Amino acid sequence: MTVFTTLPIERDAKTTEVTMRMLASIVLASATILSVAPATAQRHDPRFPFCIERLRSGRSSTIDCRFTSMDQCRMTASGLRARCFANPFWRGSRGSRRR
């Protein structure tokens, strides 16, 4: 009866290969996680009826909802890469909520 055993050299080579594969996987996963830009919450303040969206480089933008009139927003947006729009989450005045 012959018993096959793995030579110490072959075992070390397999251990090294597994270790290197795990290390490569960890590095790849870390690079993927770090390369993703963090998402920022865009909050529409429901107390104001108009918002401005300022466009930044790339695809990012910021939204600021603190304008009481469209004219006020447009004056702020003048000369900027920005647009004004009605706040979709505006609650309206307290009087308009009554039926």
N, C-alpha and C. Protein backbone atom coordinates (compact mmCIF):
# COMPACT_ATOMS: atom_id res chain seq x y z
N MET A 1 0.83 -1.17 0.00
CA MET A 1 0.00 0.00 0.00
C MET A 1 0.88 1.24 0.00
N THR A 2 0.57 2.14 -0.92
CA THR A 2 1.36 3.35 -1.06
C THR A 2 0.54 4.54 -0.57
N VAL A 3 1.10 5.35 0.24
CA VAL A 3 0.45 6.56 0.74
C VAL A 3 1.12 7.75 0.10
N PHE A 4 0.30 8.57 -0.54
CA PHE A 4 0.85 9.76 -1.17
C PHE A 4 0.74 10.93 -0.20
N THR A 5 1.80 11.55 0.01
CA THR A 5 1.81 12.75 0.84
C THR A 5 2.32 13.91 0.02
N THR A 6 1.90 15.06 0.38
CA THR A 6 2.34 16.25 -0.32
C THR A 6 3.68 16.67 0.24
N LEU A 7 4.57 16.96 -0.65
CA LEU A 7 5.88 17.41 -0.20
C LEU A 7 5.75 18.78 0.45
N PRO A 8 6.57 19.09 1.42
CA PRO A 8 6.49 20.40 2.08
C PRO A 8 6.63 21.55 1.09
N ILE A 9 7.41 21.37 0.05
CA ILE A 9 7.62 22.44 -0.93
C ILE A 9 6.32 22.72 -1.69
N GLU A 10 5.58 21.64 -2.08
CA GLU A 10 4.33 21.81 -2.80
C GLU A 10 3.28 22.46 -1.90
N ARG A 11 3.24 22.08 -0.64
CA ARG A 11 2.28 22.65 0.30
C ARG A 11 2.55 24.15 0.47
N ASP A 12 3.81 24.53 0.60
CA ASP A 12 4.15 25.94 0.74
C ASP A 12 3.78 26.73 -0.51
N ALA A 13 3.95 26.14 -1.68
CA ALA A 13 3.60 26.81 -2.93
C ALA A 13 2.10 27.03 -3.01
N LYS A 14 1.32 26.03 -2.59
CA LYS A 14 -0.14 26.18 -2.61
C LYS A 14 -0.59 27.23 -1.61
N THR A 15 0.00 27.22 -0.42
CA THR A 15 -0.34 28.20 0.59
C THR A 15 -0.01 29.61 0.10
N THR A 16 1.15 29.76 -0.54
CA THR A 16 1.55 31.06 -1.07
C THR A 16 0.58 31.51 -2.16
N GLU A 17 0.16 30.59 -3.03
CA GLU A 17 -0.76 30.95 -4.11
C GLU A 17 -2.11 31.41 -3.54
N VAL A 18 -2.62 30.69 -2.56
CA VAL A 18 -3.88 31.06 -1.94
C VAL A 18 -3.76 32.41 -1.25
N THR A 19 -2.66 32.62 -0.56
CA THR A 19 -2.43 33.90 0.11
C THR A 19 -2.37 35.04 -0.89
N MET A 20 -1.67 34.84 -1.99
CA MET A 20 -1.55 35.89 -3.02
C MET A 20 -2.90 36.18 -3.67
N ARG A 21 -3.71 35.15 -3.91
CA ARG A 21 -5.04 35.35 -4.49
C ARG A 21 -5.93 36.14 -3.53
N MET A 22 -5.86 35.79 -2.25
CA MET A 22 -6.65 36.52 -1.25
C MET A 22 -6.21 37.98 -1.17
N LEU A 23 -4.90 38.20 -1.18
CA LEU A 23 -4.37 39.56 -1.14
C LEU A 23 -4.82 40.35 -2.36
N ALA A 24 -4.76 39.74 -3.54
CA ALA A 24 -5.20 40.41 -4.77
C ALA A 24 -6.68 40.75 -4.69
N SER A 25 -7.48 39.85 -4.15
CA SER A 25 -8.92 40.10 -4.00
C SER A 25 -9.19 41.24 -3.05
N ILE A 26 -8.46 41.29 -1.95
CA ILE A 26 -8.63 42.36 -0.97
C ILE A 26 -8.24 43.70 -1.58
N VAL A 27 -7.13 43.75 -2.31
CA VAL A 27 -6.69 44.99 -2.94
C VAL A 27 -7.72 45.46 -3.96
N LEU A 28 -8.23 44.54 -4.77
CA LEU A 28 -9.23 44.89 -5.77
C LEU A 28 -10.52 45.40 -5.12
N ALA A 29 -10.97 44.74 -4.08
CA ALA A 29 -12.18 45.18 -3.38
C ALA A 29 -11.97 46.55 -2.74
N SER A 30 -10.81 46.77 -2.14
CA SER A 30 -10.52 48.07 -1.52
C SER A 30 -10.48 49.18 -2.56
N ALA A 31 -9.85 48.92 -3.70
CA ALA A 31 -9.79 49.93 -4.76
C ALA A 31 -11.17 50.25 -5.29
N THR A 32 -12.01 49.25 -5.41
CA THR A 32 -13.38 49.47 -5.89
C THR A 32 -14.17 50.32 -4.90
N ILE A 33 -14.08 50.01 -3.63
CA ILE A 33 -14.80 50.75 -2.61
C ILE A 33 -14.31 52.20 -2.54
N LEU A 34 -13.02 52.41 -2.60
CA LEU A 34 -12.47 53.75 -2.48
C LEU A 34 -12.69 54.60 -3.73
N SER A 35 -12.87 53.97 -4.88
CA SER A 35 -13.03 54.74 -6.11
C SER A 35 -14.45 55.26 -6.29
N VAL A 36 -15.40 54.70 -5.56
CA VAL A 36 -16.79 55.15 -5.67
C VAL A 36 -16.94 56.44 -4.88
N ALA A 37 -17.47 57.46 -5.54
CA ALA A 37 -17.66 58.74 -4.87
C ALA A 37 -18.79 58.63 -3.85
N PRO A 38 -18.61 59.23 -2.70
CA PRO A 38 -19.67 59.16 -1.69
C PRO A 38 -20.91 59.93 -2.15
N ALA A 39 -22.04 59.38 -1.90
CA ALA A 39 -23.29 60.04 -2.27
C ALA A 39 -23.62 61.11 -1.23
N THR A 40 -24.10 62.22 -1.69
CA THR A 40 -24.51 63.26 -0.78
C THR A 40 -26.02 63.41 -0.85
N ALA A 41 -26.61 63.62 0.26
CA ALA A 41 -28.06 63.76 0.30
C ALA A 41 -28.45 65.14 -0.22
N GLN A 42 -29.41 65.16 -1.09
CA GLN A 42 -29.95 66.41 -1.60
C GLN A 42 -31.24 66.67 -0.84
N ARG A 43 -31.24 67.69 -0.01
CA ARG A 43 -32.42 67.97 0.80
C ARG A 43 -33.15 69.17 0.26
N HIS A 44 -34.42 69.02 0.11
CA HIS A 44 -35.29 70.12 -0.30
C HIS A 44 -35.99 70.61 0.96
N ASP A 45 -35.66 71.81 1.39
CA ASP A 45 -36.27 72.37 2.59
C ASP A 45 -37.74 72.69 2.29
N PRO A 46 -38.67 72.03 2.97
CA PRO A 46 -40.09 72.23 2.66
C PRO A 46 -40.64 73.58 3.10
N ARG A 47 -39.83 74.41 3.76
CA ARG A 47 -40.31 75.72 4.21
C ARG A 47 -40.24 76.78 3.13
N PHE A 48 -39.52 76.53 2.03
CA PHE A 48 -39.34 77.54 0.98
C PHE A 48 -39.84 77.01 -0.36
N PRO A 49 -40.52 77.87 -1.14
CA PRO A 49 -41.15 77.40 -2.38
C PRO A 49 -40.22 77.26 -3.59
N PHE A 50 -39.00 77.82 -3.54
CA PHE A 50 -38.14 77.78 -4.72
C PHE A 50 -36.73 77.31 -4.36
N CYS A 51 -36.12 76.60 -5.33
CA CYS A 51 -34.79 76.03 -5.13
C CYS A 51 -33.87 76.43 -6.28
N ILE A 52 -32.57 76.38 -5.99
CA ILE A 52 -31.55 76.58 -7.01
C ILE A 52 -30.71 75.31 -7.08
N GLU A 53 -30.37 74.90 -8.28
CA GLU A 53 -29.47 73.77 -8.46
C GLU A 53 -28.21 74.30 -9.11
N ARG A 54 -27.10 74.22 -8.38
CA ARG A 54 -25.81 74.69 -8.90
C ARG A 54 -25.07 73.50 -9.49
N LEU A 55 -24.70 73.62 -10.75
CA LEU A 55 -24.00 72.55 -11.44
C LEU A 55 -22.51 72.68 -11.17
N ARG A 56 -21.90 71.58 -10.86
CA ARG A 56 -20.45 71.55 -10.62
C ARG A 56 -19.78 70.77 -11.72
N SER A 57 -18.48 70.64 -11.65
CA SER A 57 -17.76 69.88 -12.67
C SER A 57 -18.22 68.43 -12.65
N GLY A 58 -18.21 67.82 -13.80
CA GLY A 58 -18.68 66.44 -13.89
C GLY A 58 -20.19 66.39 -13.83
N ARG A 59 -20.71 65.42 -13.13
CA ARG A 59 -22.15 65.25 -13.04
C ARG A 59 -22.74 65.72 -11.72
N SER A 60 -21.94 66.23 -10.84
CA SER A 60 -22.45 66.58 -9.52
C SER A 60 -23.12 67.96 -9.52
N SER A 61 -24.00 68.13 -8.59
CA SER A 61 -24.68 69.40 -8.41
C SER A 61 -25.13 69.51 -6.95
N THR A 62 -25.44 70.73 -6.54
CA THR A 62 -25.97 70.93 -5.20
C THR A 62 -27.31 71.65 -5.32
N ILE A 63 -28.21 71.32 -4.44
CA ILE A 63 -29.53 71.94 -4.44
C ILE A 63 -29.69 72.70 -3.13
N ASP A 64 -30.16 73.93 -3.26
CA ASP A 64 -30.36 74.79 -2.10
C ASP A 64 -31.76 75.37 -2.19
N CYS A 65 -32.61 75.02 -1.25
CA CYS A 65 -33.99 75.49 -1.25
C CYS A 65 -34.19 76.47 -0.10
N ARG A 66 -33.94 77.74 -0.38
CA ARG A 66 -34.16 78.77 0.65
C ARG A 66 -34.59 80.09 0.02
N PHE A 67 -35.35 79.99 -1.04
CA PHE A 67 -35.78 81.19 -1.74
C PHE A 67 -37.29 81.34 -1.64
N THR A 68 -37.72 82.59 -1.38
CA THR A 68 -39.15 82.86 -1.22
C THR A 68 -39.81 83.26 -2.53
N SER A 69 -39.01 83.58 -3.56
CA SER A 69 -39.59 83.93 -4.86
C SER A 69 -38.68 83.42 -5.97
N MET A 70 -39.25 83.24 -7.15
CA MET A 70 -38.47 82.81 -8.30
C MET A 70 -37.49 83.91 -8.70
N ASP A 71 -37.90 85.17 -8.58
CA ASP A 71 -36.99 86.28 -8.91
C ASP A 71 -35.78 86.30 -8.00
N GLN A 72 -36.00 86.06 -6.72
CA GLN A 72 -34.89 86.01 -5.77
C GLN A 72 -33.90 84.91 -6.16
N CYS A 73 -34.42 83.76 -6.54
CA CYS A 73 -33.58 82.64 -6.95
C CYS A 73 -32.83 82.99 -8.24
N ARG A 74 -33.52 83.57 -9.21
CA ARG A 74 -32.89 83.93 -10.48
C ARG A 74 -31.78 84.97 -10.30
N MET A 75 -31.96 85.91 -9.38
CA MET A 75 -30.91 86.90 -9.11
C MET A 75 -29.67 86.20 -8.54
N THR A 76 -29.87 85.22 -7.68
CA THR A 76 -28.75 84.48 -7.12
C THR A 76 -28.08 83.64 -8.20
N ALA A 77 -28.86 83.08 -9.10
CA ALA A 77 -28.33 82.20 -10.14
C ALA A 77 -27.66 82.97 -11.28
N SER A 78 -27.89 84.26 -11.34
CA SER A 78 -27.35 85.08 -12.43
C SER A 78 -25.83 84.97 -12.50
N GLY A 79 -25.32 84.57 -13.66
CA GLY A 79 -23.88 84.46 -13.87
C GLY A 79 -23.28 83.14 -13.42
N LEU A 80 -24.09 82.27 -12.85
CA LEU A 80 -23.61 80.97 -12.39
C LEU A 80 -24.13 79.88 -13.30
N ARG A 81 -23.51 78.73 -13.23
CA ARG A 81 -24.06 77.55 -13.90
C ARG A 81 -25.11 76.98 -12.96
N ALA A 82 -26.32 77.51 -13.04
CA ALA A 82 -27.36 77.14 -12.10
C ALA A 82 -28.73 77.30 -12.76
N ARG A 83 -29.70 76.65 -12.15
CA ARG A 83 -31.09 76.80 -12.60
C ARG A 83 -32.00 76.86 -11.39
N CYS A 84 -33.11 77.55 -11.55
CA CYS A 84 -34.10 77.66 -10.48
C CYS A 84 -35.31 76.81 -10.82
N PHE A 85 -35.96 76.29 -9.80
CA PHE A 85 -37.15 75.49 -10.01
C PHE A 85 -38.03 75.53 -8.77
N ALA A 86 -39.31 75.20 -8.96
CA ALA A 86 -40.24 75.16 -7.84
C ALA A 86 -39.90 73.96 -6.96
N ASN A 87 -39.92 74.17 -5.67
CA ASN A 87 -39.62 73.11 -4.71
C ASN A 87 -40.75 72.08 -4.72
N PRO A 88 -40.47 70.84 -5.11
CA PRO A 88 -41.53 69.83 -5.16
C PRO A 88 -42.03 69.39 -3.78
N PHE A 89 -41.28 69.75 -2.73
CA PHE A 89 -41.67 69.35 -1.37
C PHE A 89 -42.18 70.51 -0.54
N TRP A 90 -42.45 71.64 -1.18
CA TRP A 90 -42.94 72.81 -0.46
C TRP A 90 -44.30 72.52 0.14
N ARG A 91 -44.43 72.81 1.43
CA ARG A 91 -45.69 72.55 2.14
C ARG A 91 -46.71 73.65 1.93
N GLY A 92 -46.28 74.78 1.45
CA GLY A 92 -47.21 75.90 1.28
C GLY A 92 -47.40 76.64 2.58
N SER A 93 -48.16 77.72 2.49
CA SER A 93 -48.41 78.49 3.71
C SER A 93 -49.43 77.74 4.56
N ARG A 94 -49.48 78.07 5.82
CA ARG A 94 -50.39 77.39 6.73
C ARG A 94 -51.84 77.61 6.32
N GLY A 95 -52.15 78.79 5.80
CA GLY A 95 -53.51 79.10 5.41
C GLY A 95 -53.98 78.27 4.22
N SER A 96 -53.06 77.89 3.32
CA SER A 96 -53.46 77.13 2.14
C SER A 96 -53.69 75.66 2.45
N ARG A 97 -53.37 75.23 3.64
CA ARG A 97 -53.56 73.83 4.00
C ARG A 97 -54.99 73.56 4.46
N ARG A 98 -55.70 74.64 4.84
CA ARG A 98 -57.08 74.46 5.30
C ARG A 98 -58.00 74.18 4.13
N ARG A 99 -59.03 73.39 4.37
CA ARG A 99 -60.01 73.11 3.31
C ARG A 99 -61.32 73.73 3.62
